[in-house]
């Protein structure tokens, strides 16, 4: 079991491809990163059922589950970065999340998830000037969370459930900027002396929550015959990034390391959503989540006259989705047992003047008769940067999720 956890944590540490907010927190993983949720535009937090899995924004919905659910997700994405006449492409493969939930009858349900909340990833080499001054820029940062969850239905009003989850934050960050020699003003007879010179700035650090083991989410869910809705509140918290700075010359001379910490004050988040079911298997979903950032984020910075802070704005997600559930009857035609999804979303990033518009298509393919499903979603869109200094991004992604449903611990 210990080896499995180490492998999963290693996969989660691989970050996403966006370069917006590299020096702050990086890209925020939307709504937990599940392939099924992404296929309907990140909507559906209020939808209940054994094939839904844990919800990061709504820890109350699993109280209505009757079976054990295991879910693991993978993401393959491509981002085309654009800024005036410059552009290049970044590709990436990652595992945004996995989760496991256990129904316990009248005692409610317990779940456990591992998901990546923020990440940044970049590894590029740039040649500049007639003498090809080489500059290498590397970023690798991952803020991930282990999230235990508990929920139960109210004893008298059985249509309502309440739930809570704790978010235990871990992670690491690495940044390296190295610059080769600029020999433009060096005499040709002296180039041998500086040809191997390299200036490099290394930054290594870890992520945790300041003065507390976790932050928390509480939610209430209503499930009716045709409509369901939820409301949740996530507590504010302060992320602490402990950093070690090392400035090196040609990998030989290293100045005394400098230690410092930066604090990121993450505000409270409110989220709500509804699901309306009609004609038995058709669902229309709407979700809204907002977080009011009111303080700028101190950048990792450290050298080369980099920007000291990243300005922030209100972080908001508006999602609209549709899902046609597959038939639960094993002997129905296969295409009728497939779940079909469609959705779109609008998102304002925590980074000032950055906005995202996207859409998605998805399907859930049943595997065998026990309820195991292979979820597949295709998504694409654009991130707009009105400031003129940030890159704009066209993104395309494929998410794959494996949902296992079982009756562990229950009599046949």
Protein backbone atom coordinates (compact mmCIF):
# COMPACT_ATOMS: atom_id res chain seq x y z
CA UNK A 1 0.00 0.00 0.00
CA UNK A 2 2.86 2.39 0.82
CA UNK A 3 4.40 1.87 -2.64
CA UNK A 4 1.05 2.55 -4.32
CA UNK A 5 0.66 5.85 -2.42
CA UNK A 6 4.20 6.93 -3.39
CA UNK A 7 3.50 6.19 -7.07
CA UNK A 8 0.23 8.16 -6.95
CA UNK A 9 1.90 11.14 -5.27
CA UNK A 10 4.60 11.04 -7.92
CA UNK A 11 2.02 11.16 -10.71
CA UNK A 12 0.15 14.01 -9.06
CA UNK A 13 3.37 16.01 -8.85
CA UNK A 14 3.40 16.35 -12.64
CA UNK A 15 1.83 19.71 -13.31
CA UNK A 16 -0.38 21.22 -15.94
CA UNK A 17 0.73 23.12 -19.01
CA UNK A 18 -0.55 26.66 -18.42
CA UNK A 19 2.12 29.31 -17.86
CA UNK A 20 -0.21 31.98 -16.45
CA UNK A 21 0.57 32.75 -12.80
CA UNK A 22 3.83 30.78 -12.81
CA UNK A 23 5.39 32.91 -10.06
CA UNK A 24 2.20 32.92 -7.96
CA UNK A 25 0.23 29.66 -7.61
CA UNK A 26 0.04 28.54 -11.23
CA UNK A 27 -3.09 26.99 -12.73
CA UNK A 28 -6.04 26.12 -10.51
CA UNK A 29 -7.53 22.68 -11.08
CA UNK A 30 -11.24 23.23 -11.77
CA UNK A 31 -13.82 21.26 -9.75
CA UNK A 32 -11.53 18.38 -8.82
CA UNK A 33 -10.39 17.31 -12.28
CA UNK A 34 -12.73 14.32 -12.78
CA UNK A 35 -13.26 13.22 -16.39
CA UNK A 36 -17.02 12.81 -15.90
CA UNK A 37 -17.37 16.33 -14.44
CA UNK A 38 -15.18 17.85 -17.16
CA UNK A 39 -17.33 16.23 -19.86
CA UNK A 40 -20.36 18.28 -18.76
CA UNK A 41 -18.49 21.58 -18.46
CA UNK A 42 -17.54 21.18 -14.77
CA UNK A 43 -21.23 21.30 -13.80
CA UNK A 44 -23.10 18.64 -11.82
CA UNK A 45 -21.98 19.09 -8.23
CA UNK A 46 -25.60 18.54 -7.13
CA UNK A 47 -26.11 15.32 -9.10
CA UNK A 48 -26.28 12.23 -6.90
CA UNK A 49 -25.83 8.57 -7.76
CA UNK A 50 -23.41 5.68 -7.31
CA UNK A 51 -21.49 6.61 -10.48
CA UNK A 52 -20.71 10.23 -9.53
CA UNK A 53 -17.80 9.90 -7.09
CA UNK A 54 -16.64 12.50 -4.58
CA UNK A 55 -17.15 16.20 -5.22
CA UNK A 56 -14.52 18.67 -4.03
CA UNK A 57 -17.07 21.48 -3.83
CA UNK A 58 -19.94 19.39 -2.41
CA UNK A 59 -18.89 16.87 0.26
CA UNK A 60 -22.58 16.17 1.10
CA UNK A 61 -23.70 14.36 -2.05
CA UNK A 62 -22.26 10.88 -1.32
CA UNK A 63 -24.70 10.35 1.55
CA UNK A 64 -27.16 9.01 -1.07
CA UNK A 65 -24.74 6.39 -2.45
CA UNK A 66 -25.48 2.71 -1.96
CA UNK A 67 -22.26 1.26 -3.37
CA UNK A 68 -18.52 1.69 -2.98
CA UNK A 69 -17.07 3.96 -5.67
CA UNK A 70 -13.43 4.22 -6.81
CA UNK A 71 -12.37 6.80 -9.39
CA UNK A 72 -9.02 7.67 -10.96
CA UNK A 73 -8.44 10.31 -13.65
CA UNK A 74 -5.77 11.19 -16.19
CA UNK A 75 -5.30 14.30 -18.32
CA UNK A 76 -3.46 14.77 -21.61
CA UNK A 77 -3.47 18.38 -22.76
CA UNK A 78 -1.85 20.75 -25.23
CA UNK A 79 -1.60 24.52 -24.76
CA UNK A 80 -0.73 26.95 -27.55
CA UNK A 81 0.80 30.07 -25.96
CA UNK A 82 0.38 33.37 -27.80
CA UNK A 83 1.79 36.84 -27.10
CA UNK A 84 1.85 39.36 -29.95
CA UNK A 85 3.90 37.64 -32.68
CA UNK A 86 5.41 34.99 -30.39
CA UNK A 87 3.90 31.54 -29.82
CA UNK A 88 4.91 28.04 -28.80
CA UNK A 89 3.27 24.79 -27.72
CA UNK A 90 3.39 23.00 -24.36
CA UNK A 91 2.24 19.38 -23.92
CA UNK A 92 1.60 17.54 -20.69
CA UNK A 93 0.30 14.33 -19.10
CA UNK A 94 -0.86 14.29 -15.47
CA UNK A 95 -3.15 12.61 -12.94
CA UNK A 96 -5.32 15.38 -11.45
CA UNK A 97 -7.21 13.27 -8.91
CA UNK A 98 -8.35 9.97 -7.53
CA UNK A 99 -10.97 9.23 -4.88
CA UNK A 100 -12.66 6.44 -2.97
CA UNK A 101 -15.98 6.51 -1.08
CA UNK A 102 -17.66 3.97 1.22
CA UNK A 103 -21.38 4.02 2.09
CA UNK A 104 -22.07 2.91 5.68
CA UNK A 105 -25.86 2.62 5.68
CA UNK A 106 -27.45 4.56 8.52
CA UNK A 107 -24.00 5.81 9.57
CA UNK A 108 -23.56 7.92 6.43
CA UNK A 109 -20.63 7.64 4.03
CA UNK A 110 -16.88 8.14 4.24
CA UNK A 111 -14.58 9.15 1.40
CA UNK A 112 -10.95 9.93 0.70
CA UNK A 113 -9.49 11.88 -2.22
CA UNK A 114 -6.14 13.06 -3.49
CA UNK A 115 -6.28 15.97 -5.91
CA UNK A 116 -4.09 18.73 -7.23
CA UNK A 117 -5.41 22.20 -6.45
CA UNK A 118 -2.71 24.42 -8.05
CA UNK A 119 0.21 23.66 -10.31
CA UNK A 120 2.72 25.21 -12.67
CA UNK A 121 5.07 23.60 -15.15
CA UNK A 122 7.50 25.03 -17.70
CA UNK A 123 10.82 23.88 -19.15
CA UNK A 124 12.05 26.02 -22.03
CA UNK A 125 15.34 27.13 -23.58
CA UNK A 126 15.60 30.52 -25.28
CA UNK A 127 18.40 31.76 -27.55
CA UNK A 128 18.79 35.50 -27.84
CA UNK A 129 21.17 37.85 -29.60
CA UNK A 130 23.59 37.31 -32.46
CA UNK A 131 25.88 35.28 -30.23
CA UNK A 132 23.00 33.05 -29.07
CA UNK A 133 22.88 33.76 -25.35
CA UNK A 134 21.21 30.65 -23.91
CA UNK A 135 18.62 31.09 -21.17
CA UNK A 136 16.90 28.11 -19.53
CA UNK A 137 13.69 28.57 -17.54
CA UNK A 138 12.31 25.70 -15.46
CA UNK A 139 9.25 25.72 -13.19
CA UNK A 140 7.80 22.76 -11.33
CA UNK A 141 5.26 23.47 -8.59
CA UNK A 142 2.43 21.37 -7.24
CA UNK A 143 0.01 22.11 -4.40
CA UNK A 144 -1.96 18.94 -3.73
CA UNK A 145 -4.40 17.92 -1.04
CA UNK A 146 -5.40 14.76 0.80
CA UNK A 147 -9.11 15.19 1.49
CA UNK A 148 -11.02 12.93 3.94
CA UNK A 149 -14.78 13.39 3.71
CA UNK A 150 -17.78 12.38 5.85
CA UNK A 151 -21.48 12.86 5.10
CA UNK A 152 -24.85 11.58 6.34
CA UNK A 153 -28.55 12.04 5.64
CA UNK A 154 -30.63 13.86 8.24
CA UNK A 155 -32.57 11.39 10.44
CA UNK A 156 -36.05 12.86 9.90
CA UNK A 157 -35.81 14.91 6.70
CA UNK A 158 -34.25 12.15 4.58
CA UNK A 159 -34.13 14.27 1.44
CA UNK A 160 -31.38 16.40 3.03
CA UNK A 161 -27.78 15.50 3.77
CA UNK A 162 -24.87 17.37 5.32
CA UNK A 163 -21.19 16.75 4.82
CA UNK A 164 -17.76 18.09 5.62
CA UNK A 165 -14.23 17.56 4.37
CA UNK A 166 -10.75 18.49 5.57
CA UNK A 167 -8.09 19.57 3.07
CA UNK A 168 -4.59 18.59 4.20
CA UNK A 169 -2.19 20.58 2.01
CA UNK A 170 1.20 19.31 0.84
CA UNK A 171 3.43 20.05 -2.11
CA UNK A 172 6.71 21.37 -3.42
CA UNK A 173 8.00 24.06 -5.74
CA UNK A 174 11.15 24.35 -7.82
CA UNK A 175 12.29 27.21 -10.02
CA UNK A 176 15.55 27.51 -11.96
CA UNK A 177 16.66 30.32 -14.24
CA UNK A 178 20.09 29.90 -15.82
CA UNK A 179 21.78 32.27 -18.24
CA UNK A 180 24.75 31.53 -20.43
CA UNK A 181 27.53 34.01 -21.24
CA UNK A 182 26.85 37.11 -23.33
CA UNK A 183 29.97 37.45 -25.48
CA UNK A 184 28.77 40.31 -27.62
CA UNK A 185 31.31 42.76 -26.13
CA UNK A 186 34.05 40.17 -25.49
CA UNK A 187 37.07 40.09 -27.78
CA UNK A 188 37.34 36.91 -29.82
CA UNK A 189 40.72 36.16 -28.24
CA UNK A 190 39.10 36.14 -24.77
CA UNK A 191 35.97 34.10 -25.43
CA UNK A 192 37.65 30.96 -24.10
CA UNK A 193 37.61 32.50 -20.61
CA UNK A 194 33.86 32.97 -20.42
CA UNK A 195 32.49 30.36 -22.82
CA UNK A 196 31.59 28.01 -19.97
CA UNK A 197 30.29 30.64 -17.57
CA UNK A 198 26.70 30.26 -16.42
CA UNK A 199 24.68 32.24 -13.91
CA UNK A 200 21.89 30.22 -12.31
CA UNK A 201 19.25 31.05 -9.74
CA UNK A 202 17.77 28.01 -7.95
CA UNK A 203 14.71 28.15 -5.73
CA UNK A 204 13.34 25.10 -3.87
CA UNK A 205 10.46 25.05 -1.44
CA UNK A 206 7.52 23.26 0.13
CA UNK A 207 3.82 24.05 0.58
CA UNK A 208 1.72 23.75 3.73
CA UNK A 209 -1.00 25.59 5.64
CA UNK A 210 0.17 28.18 8.11
CA UNK A 211 -0.54 27.39 11.80
CA UNK A 212 -3.11 24.70 11.05
CA UNK A 213 -3.22 21.10 9.79
CA UNK A 214 -6.00 21.70 7.22
CA UNK A 215 -8.76 23.92 5.89
CA UNK A 216 -12.37 22.78 5.63
CA UNK A 217 -15.46 22.59 3.43
CA UNK A 218 -19.03 22.14 4.73
CA UNK A 219 -22.09 21.52 2.55
CA UNK A 220 -25.80 20.78 2.62
CA UNK A 221 -27.54 18.82 -0.16
CA UNK A 222 -31.20 18.38 -1.10
CA UNK A 223 -32.24 15.51 -3.36
CA UNK A 224 -35.77 15.59 -4.71
CA UNK A 225 -37.65 13.43 -7.19
CA UNK A 226 -36.69 15.63 -10.14
CA UNK A 227 -34.46 18.39 -8.79
CA UNK A 228 -31.46 18.53 -6.49
CA UNK A 229 -29.33 21.36 -5.21
CA UNK A 230 -26.47 22.05 -2.81
CA UNK A 231 -24.73 24.90 -1.06
CA UNK A 232 -21.19 24.79 0.34
CA UNK A 233 -18.73 27.01 2.20
CA UNK A 234 -14.94 26.61 2.19
CA UNK A 235 -12.98 28.32 4.95
CA UNK A 236 -10.27 30.92 4.24
CA UNK A 237 -6.71 29.81 4.87
CA UNK A 238 -3.11 30.90 4.41
CA UNK A 239 -0.73 28.85 2.28
CA UNK A 240 2.88 28.93 3.47
CA UNK A 241 5.63 28.45 0.90
CA UNK A 242 9.02 27.92 2.58
CA UNK A 243 11.79 28.71 0.10
CA UNK A 244 15.56 28.23 -0.21
CA UNK A 245 17.34 30.53 -2.69
CA UNK A 246 20.71 29.58 -4.19
CA UNK A 247 22.63 31.73 -6.66
CA UNK A 248 25.35 29.85 -8.51
CA UNK A 249 28.06 30.61 -11.02
CA UNK A 250 29.07 27.80 -13.38
CA UNK A 251 27.86 25.21 -10.83
CA UNK A 252 31.10 25.82 -8.89
CA UNK A 253 30.60 28.93 -6.79
CA UNK A 254 27.46 29.04 -4.67
CA UNK A 255 26.60 31.97 -2.47
CA UNK A 256 25.23 31.30 1.00
CA UNK A 257 21.63 30.04 0.66
CA UNK A 258 18.92 32.52 1.55
CA UNK A 259 15.84 31.26 3.34
CA UNK A 260 12.52 33.04 3.37
CA UNK A 261 8.82 32.24 3.32
CA UNK A 262 5.97 33.74 1.39
CA UNK A 263 2.36 33.63 2.50
CA UNK A 264 -0.66 33.41 0.20
CA UNK A 265 -3.93 34.38 1.86
CA UNK A 266 -6.63 32.33 0.13
CA UNK A 267 -10.11 33.75 0.82
CA UNK A 268 -13.28 31.80 1.61
CA UNK A 269 -15.22 30.23 -1.25
CA UNK A 270 -18.98 29.91 -1.72
CA UNK A 271 -20.39 27.35 -4.15
CA UNK A 272 -23.86 26.24 -5.20
CA UNK A 273 -25.41 24.11 -7.91
CA UNK A 274 -28.60 22.49 -9.11
CA UNK A 275 -29.56 19.46 -11.17
CA UNK A 276 -32.94 19.10 -12.88
CA UNK A 277 -33.91 15.65 -14.19
CA UNK A 278 -36.55 15.14 -16.87
CA UNK A 279 -37.72 12.18 -18.97
CA UNK A 280 -36.11 9.86 -16.39
CA UNK A 281 -32.53 9.98 -17.69
CA UNK A 282 -31.89 13.52 -18.91
CA UNK A 283 -30.23 16.07 -16.62
CA UNK A 284 -29.62 19.81 -16.91
CA UNK A 285 -27.06 21.21 -14.47
CA UNK A 286 -25.89 24.63 -13.36
CA UNK A 287 -23.05 25.41 -10.94
CA UNK A 288 -21.55 28.59 -9.55
CA UNK A 289 -18.48 29.05 -7.34
CA UNK A 290 -16.83 32.32 -6.26
CA UNK A 291 -13.86 33.38 -4.17
CA UNK A 292 -13.18 37.06 -3.49
CA UNK A 293 -9.42 37.65 -3.62
CA UNK A 294 -8.59 41.01 -2.04
CA UNK A 295 -4.80 40.81 -1.63
CA UNK A 296 -2.05 40.44 -4.21
CA UNK A 297 0.11 37.32 -4.20
CA UNK A 298 3.82 37.68 -3.48
CA UNK A 299 5.76 36.10 -6.33
CA UNK A 300 8.50 33.53 -5.95
CA UNK A 301 10.76 36.20 -7.60
CA UNK A 302 14.25 36.36 -6.20
CA UNK A 303 16.42 37.63 -9.05
CA UNK A 304 16.74 39.11 -12.54
CA UNK A 305 14.45 42.03 -11.68
CA UNK A 306 11.32 39.87 -11.70
CA UNK A 307 7.85 41.17 -10.81
CA UNK A 308 7.39 41.25 -7.00
CA UNK A 309 3.65 40.42 -6.90
CA UNK A 310 0.81 38.99 -8.97
CA UNK A 311 -2.30 41.15 -8.88
CA UNK A 312 -5.56 39.32 -8.14
CA UNK A 313 -9.27 39.60 -8.83
CA UNK A 314 -12.47 37.74 -7.93
CA UNK A 315 -12.11 34.05 -8.81
CA UNK A 316 -15.42 32.77 -10.25
CA UNK A 317 -16.66 29.69 -12.14
CA UNK A 318 -19.99 29.56 -13.99
CA UNK A 319 -20.76 26.13 -15.48
CA UNK A 320 -23.72 24.76 -17.47
CA UNK A 321 -24.01 21.11 -18.45
CA UNK A 322 -26.23 18.37 -19.82
CA UNK A 323 -26.05 14.63 -19.22
CA UNK A 324 -28.12 11.76 -20.54
CA UNK A 325 -27.65 8.82 -18.17
CA UNK A 326 -27.11 5.41 -19.68
CA UNK A 327 -29.64 2.66 -19.18
CA UNK A 328 -28.91 0.55 -16.07
CA UNK A 329 -30.22 -2.60 -17.82
CA UNK A 330 -27.31 -4.79 -18.95
CA UNK A 331 -29.29 -6.41 -21.80
CA UNK A 332 -30.27 -3.09 -23.42
CA UNK A 333 -28.33 -2.13 -26.58
CA UNK A 334 -24.83 -0.94 -25.73
CA UNK A 335 -25.23 2.55 -27.16
CA UNK A 336 -28.30 3.03 -24.96
CA UNK A 337 -26.24 2.13 -21.89
CA UNK A 338 -23.59 4.78 -22.70
CA UNK A 339 -23.80 8.08 -20.76
CA UNK A 340 -23.55 11.20 -22.95
CA UNK A 341 -22.35 14.60 -21.71
CA UNK A 342 -22.10 18.17 -22.99
CA UNK A 343 -21.17 21.42 -21.24
CA UNK A 344 -19.48 24.79 -21.17
CA UNK A 345 -18.00 27.16 -18.60
CA UNK A 346 -16.80 30.70 -18.03
CA UNK A 347 -14.11 31.32 -15.46
CA UNK A 348 -12.30 34.37 -14.11
CA UNK A 349 -8.90 33.41 -12.78
CA UNK A 350 -7.45 34.65 -9.52
CA UNK A 351 -4.85 36.43 -11.70
CA UNK A 352 -6.04 39.93 -12.58
CA UNK A 353 -7.42 40.41 -16.11
CA UNK A 354 -7.27 36.70 -16.99
CA UNK A 355 -10.49 35.01 -18.17
CA UNK A 356 -11.26 31.55 -19.49
CA UNK A 357 -14.01 30.30 -21.81
CA UNK A 358 -14.34 26.61 -22.60
CA UNK A 359 -16.56 23.78 -23.76
CA UNK A 360 -16.53 20.00 -23.60
CA UNK A 361 -18.02 16.75 -24.86
CA UNK A 362 -17.91 13.47 -22.97
CA UNK A 363 -19.21 9.95 -22.63
CA UNK A 364 -19.19 7.16 -20.08
CA UNK A 365 -18.72 3.65 -21.52
CA UNK A 366 -19.89 0.74 -19.32
CA UNK A 367 -17.45 -2.15 -18.88
CA UNK A 368 -19.16 -5.38 -17.86
CA UNK A 369 -22.23 -5.76 -15.69
CA UNK A 370 -20.95 -4.60 -12.29
CA UNK A 371 -21.08 -0.87 -13.01
CA UNK A 372 -17.45 -0.16 -13.96
CA UNK A 373 -17.29 2.75 -16.41
CA UNK A 374 -14.62 4.28 -18.62
CA UNK A 375 -15.20 8.06 -18.80
CA UNK A 376 -13.82 10.04 -21.71
CA UNK A 377 -14.05 13.82 -22.21
CA UNK A 378 -12.72 16.26 -24.78
CA UNK A 379 -12.37 19.90 -23.82
CA UNK A 380 -11.05 23.06 -25.37
CA UNK A 381 -11.16 26.82 -25.04
CA UNK A 382 -9.14 29.96 -24.61
CA UNK A 383 -7.66 31.96 -21.77
CA UNK A 384 -7.69 35.69 -22.40
CA UNK A 385 -5.21 38.10 -20.79
CA UNK A 386 -6.37 41.73 -20.96
CA UNK A 387 -3.28 43.10 -19.24
CA UNK A 388 -1.08 42.73 -22.33
CA UNK A 389 1.81 41.32 -20.28
CA UNK A 390 0.55 37.76 -19.79
CA UNK A 391 0.39 35.06 -22.43
CA UNK A 392 -2.95 34.13 -23.96
CA UNK A 393 -3.57 30.41 -24.29
CA UNK A 394 -5.54 28.10 -26.55
CA UNK A 395 -5.96 24.79 -24.74
CA UNK A 396 -7.11 21.33 -25.81
CA UNK A 397 -7.36 18.36 -23.49
CA UNK A 398 -8.46 14.76 -23.21
CA UNK A 399 -9.43 13.39 -19.81
CA UNK A 400 -9.78 9.69 -19.09
CA UNK A 401 -11.39 8.38 -15.93
CA UNK A 402 -12.00 4.89 -14.61
CA UNK A 403 -14.99 4.57 -12.30
CA UNK A 404 -15.34 1.33 -10.36
CA UNK A 405 -18.55 0.54 -8.49
CA UNK A 406 -18.80 -2.36 -6.05
CA UNK A 407 -20.54 -3.77 -3.01
CA UNK A 408 -17.56 -4.24 -0.72
CA UNK A 409 -18.50 -5.42 2.77
CA UNK A 410 -22.14 -5.97 1.83
CA UNK A 411 -23.94 -9.31 1.77
CA UNK A 412 -24.70 -10.81 -1.64
